[in-house]
Amino acid sequence: MVKLTKIYTRGGDAGETSLSDGSRLAKNDPRVAAYGDVDELNAVIGLARLHATGAVDEMLARVQHDLFDLGADLSTPIVEAPKHPPLRILDRQVERLEREIDALGTALTALNSFVLPGGTPLAAQLHLARTVARRAERLAITLADREQVNPAALRYLNRLSDHLFQLARHANDDGKVDVLWQPGINR
């Protein structure tokens, strides 16, 4: 006989949720919204990985793990002398993104126009992920305006959108099949 495990607690029925430290917040609080967008970003990257192979898939897998770290970071308020050291995004994770951005950039064709989201299925998914990363960054900054946020978490989100842009261009044959913006084309 298989025992079913319930995944619902009813604890959020009144519009609140628990943070990793046990405190409760409204589900529309900027902290909850920020890590919710990080969760959405992780799902969008999961979709992109359906089209990814090799080194690109490996990079995206690392990013997905980082995004769980980031969600844990954002769901844990910063307090002095915590009982248990919380999981936080580290500068070395940001630095890894920078190294990958630089490595991807060496093969990309030079840009002379803005790039429209599109091209290959993988590139289109990565452009979508990039926009969700930007939204998560905006919400994390909103949160940082109200209370302390790990600065490395903000840097990670900022760098991640650049990383996803580089990956999208890489997925478009290193930029050769990018869809370029043509100003005033429908005038």
Protein backbone atom coordinates (compact mmCIF):
# COMPACT_ATOMS: atom_id res chain seq x y z
CA MET A 1 0.00 0.00 0.00
CA VAL A 2 1.34 3.43 -0.97
CA LYS A 3 0.99 6.15 1.61
CA LEU A 4 0.09 9.48 0.06
CA THR A 5 1.84 12.54 1.36
CA LYS A 6 -0.21 15.71 1.42
CA ILE A 7 1.51 18.69 -0.10
CA TYR A 8 -0.93 21.24 1.22
CA THR A 9 -0.87 22.67 4.72
CA ARG A 10 -3.73 25.18 4.55
CA GLY A 11 -1.32 27.61 6.22
CA GLY A 12 -1.46 29.99 3.28
CA ASP A 13 -5.23 30.07 2.87
CA ALA A 14 -5.43 33.51 4.49
CA GLY A 15 -2.87 35.01 2.11
CA GLU A 16 0.31 34.51 4.14
CA THR A 17 3.30 32.22 3.72
CA SER A 18 6.21 31.11 5.87
CA LEU A 19 9.76 32.21 5.23
CA SER A 20 12.73 29.92 5.76
CA ASP A 21 13.22 31.33 9.27
CA GLY A 22 9.61 30.52 10.22
CA SER A 23 8.36 34.10 10.12
CA ARG A 24 5.19 34.83 8.16
CA LEU A 25 4.58 37.38 5.43
CA ALA A 26 1.79 38.30 3.07
CA LYS A 27 2.07 36.42 -0.20
CA ASN A 28 2.24 39.74 -2.07
CA ASP A 29 5.14 41.08 0.02
CA PRO A 30 8.14 42.16 -2.12
CA ARG A 31 10.29 39.43 -0.53
CA VAL A 32 7.83 36.71 -1.53
CA ALA A 33 7.36 38.27 -4.96
CA ALA A 34 11.13 38.38 -5.54
CA TYR A 35 11.78 34.74 -4.72
CA GLY A 36 8.58 33.81 -6.57
CA ASP A 37 9.99 35.38 -9.72
CA VAL A 38 13.24 33.49 -9.15
CA ASP A 39 11.18 30.29 -9.01
CA GLU A 40 9.43 31.26 -12.26
CA LEU A 41 12.81 31.96 -13.84
CA ASN A 42 14.00 28.51 -12.85
CA ALA A 43 10.94 26.98 -14.56
CA VAL A 44 11.55 28.99 -17.74
CA ILE A 45 15.17 27.84 -17.78
CA GLY A 46 13.91 24.27 -17.35
CA LEU A 47 11.91 24.75 -20.56
CA ALA A 48 14.94 26.16 -22.35
CA ARG A 49 16.95 23.10 -21.33
CA LEU A 50 14.59 20.97 -23.43
CA HIS A 51 16.42 22.46 -26.42
CA ALA A 52 19.93 22.67 -24.92
CA THR A 53 22.77 20.20 -25.21
CA GLY A 54 26.39 19.91 -24.13
CA ALA A 55 28.08 22.86 -22.45
CA VAL A 56 24.99 25.08 -22.73
CA ASP A 57 22.86 22.52 -20.91
CA GLU A 58 25.57 22.18 -18.26
CA MET A 59 25.67 25.96 -17.74
CA LEU A 60 21.89 26.13 -17.46
CA ALA A 61 21.87 23.23 -14.98
CA ARG A 62 24.35 25.13 -12.77
CA VAL A 63 22.17 28.22 -13.03
CA GLN A 64 19.12 26.25 -11.95
CA HIS A 65 20.95 25.09 -8.83
CA ASP A 66 22.11 28.66 -8.21
CA LEU A 67 18.52 29.84 -8.49
CA PHE A 68 17.50 27.51 -5.68
CA ASP A 69 20.33 29.05 -3.63
CA LEU A 70 19.06 32.49 -4.61
CA GLY A 71 15.49 31.64 -3.64
CA ALA A 72 16.73 30.43 -0.25
CA ASP A 73 18.78 33.62 0.10
CA LEU A 74 15.86 35.91 -0.70
CA SER A 75 13.50 33.95 1.57
CA THR A 76 15.81 34.43 4.56
CA PRO A 77 15.85 37.88 6.14
CA ILE A 78 19.30 39.12 7.06
CA VAL A 79 19.73 39.20 10.83
CA GLU A 80 22.74 39.57 13.08
CA ALA A 81 24.04 36.33 14.62
CA PRO A 82 21.54 33.88 13.11
CA LYS A 83 21.10 30.53 14.92
CA HIS A 84 21.92 28.67 11.71
CA PRO A 85 24.01 30.17 8.91
CA PRO A 86 21.62 30.76 6.00
CA LEU A 87 22.32 29.77 2.43
CA ARG A 88 23.45 32.87 0.55
CA ILE A 89 24.56 33.57 -3.01
CA LEU A 90 28.33 34.02 -3.07
CA ASP A 91 30.53 36.29 -5.17
CA ARG A 92 32.16 33.21 -6.70
CA GLN A 93 28.80 32.33 -8.30
CA VAL A 94 28.66 35.81 -9.85
CA GLU A 95 32.28 35.46 -10.98
CA ARG A 96 31.52 32.12 -12.65
CA LEU A 97 28.75 33.80 -14.65
CA GLU A 98 31.19 36.53 -15.68
CA ARG A 99 33.75 33.99 -16.87
CA GLU A 100 31.08 32.20 -18.91
CA ILE A 101 29.77 35.48 -20.36
CA ASP A 102 33.30 36.40 -21.45
CA ALA A 103 33.96 32.96 -22.94
CA LEU A 104 30.69 33.02 -24.89
CA GLY A 105 31.43 36.52 -26.16
CA THR A 106 34.64 35.53 -27.92
CA ALA A 107 32.75 33.77 -30.73
CA LEU A 108 29.75 36.10 -31.09
CA THR A 109 29.34 38.32 -34.13
CA ALA A 110 29.48 42.04 -33.39
CA LEU A 111 26.16 43.77 -32.82
CA ASN A 112 25.08 46.79 -34.83
CA SER A 113 21.41 46.67 -33.80
CA PHE A 114 19.22 45.60 -30.93
CA VAL A 115 18.32 41.90 -30.94
CA LEU A 116 14.67 40.86 -30.97
CA PRO A 117 13.73 37.77 -28.96
CA GLY A 118 13.61 34.88 -31.38
CA GLY A 119 15.69 32.82 -33.73
CA THR A 120 16.09 29.22 -32.68
CA PRO A 121 13.69 27.65 -30.15
CA LEU A 122 16.48 27.65 -27.56
CA ALA A 123 17.32 31.31 -28.18
CA ALA A 124 13.66 32.31 -27.88
CA GLN A 125 13.36 30.48 -24.55
CA LEU A 126 16.58 32.07 -23.29
CA HIS A 127 15.32 35.54 -24.23
CA LEU A 128 12.15 34.81 -22.25
CA ALA A 129 14.30 33.69 -19.31
CA ARG A 130 16.32 36.91 -19.61
CA THR A 131 13.18 39.03 -19.27
CA VAL A 132 12.02 37.05 -16.22
CA ALA A 133 15.51 37.51 -14.71
CA ARG A 134 15.18 41.27 -15.20
CA ARG A 135 11.78 41.25 -13.47
CA ALA A 136 13.18 39.23 -10.57
CA GLU A 137 16.02 41.74 -10.34
CA ARG A 138 13.58 44.67 -10.23
CA LEU A 139 11.63 43.02 -7.41
CA ALA A 140 14.81 42.19 -5.50
CA ILE A 141 15.83 45.85 -5.78
CA THR A 142 12.38 46.87 -4.52
CA LEU A 143 12.96 44.59 -1.56
CA ALA A 144 16.45 46.04 -1.03
CA ASP A 145 14.91 49.52 -0.86
CA ARG A 146 12.91 48.35 2.17
CA GLU A 147 15.33 46.06 3.97
CA GLN A 148 18.78 44.55 3.75
CA VAL A 149 19.41 42.10 0.89
CA ASN A 150 22.59 40.19 0.15
CA PRO A 151 24.44 42.40 -2.38
CA ALA A 152 25.79 39.30 -4.15
CA ALA A 153 22.19 38.22 -4.82
CA LEU A 154 21.50 41.49 -6.63
CA ARG A 155 24.74 41.18 -8.61
CA TYR A 156 23.90 37.59 -9.51
CA LEU A 157 20.52 38.56 -10.96
CA ASN A 158 22.04 41.44 -12.91
CA ARG A 159 24.78 39.24 -14.34
CA LEU A 160 22.40 36.36 -15.06
CA SER A 161 20.35 38.40 -17.53
CA ASP A 162 23.58 39.22 -19.40
CA HIS A 163 24.53 35.53 -19.30
CA LEU A 164 21.17 34.51 -20.73
CA PHE A 165 21.52 37.13 -23.49
CA GLN A 166 24.95 35.75 -24.44
CA LEU A 167 23.58 32.19 -24.39
CA ALA A 168 20.66 33.23 -26.62
CA ARG A 169 23.05 34.75 -29.14
CA HIS A 170 25.21 31.62 -28.93
CA ALA A 171 22.09 29.52 -29.61
CA ASN A 172 21.51 31.66 -32.71
CA ASP A 173 24.67 30.32 -34.35
CA ASP A 174 26.84 32.75 -32.37
CA GLY A 175 24.66 35.65 -33.45
CA LYS A 176 24.61 34.85 -37.15
CA VAL A 177 20.84 34.17 -37.11
CA ASP A 178 19.87 36.75 -34.48
CA VAL A 179 16.64 38.54 -35.31
CA LEU A 180 17.72 42.18 -35.50
CA TRP A 181 15.50 45.16 -34.84
CA GLN A 182 14.78 47.28 -37.91
CA PRO A 183 13.64 50.72 -36.74
CA GLY A 184 10.57 52.08 -38.47
CA ILE A 185 10.03 48.97 -40.59
CA ASN A 186 6.22 49.30 -40.49
CA ARG A 187 5.92 53.04 -41.03
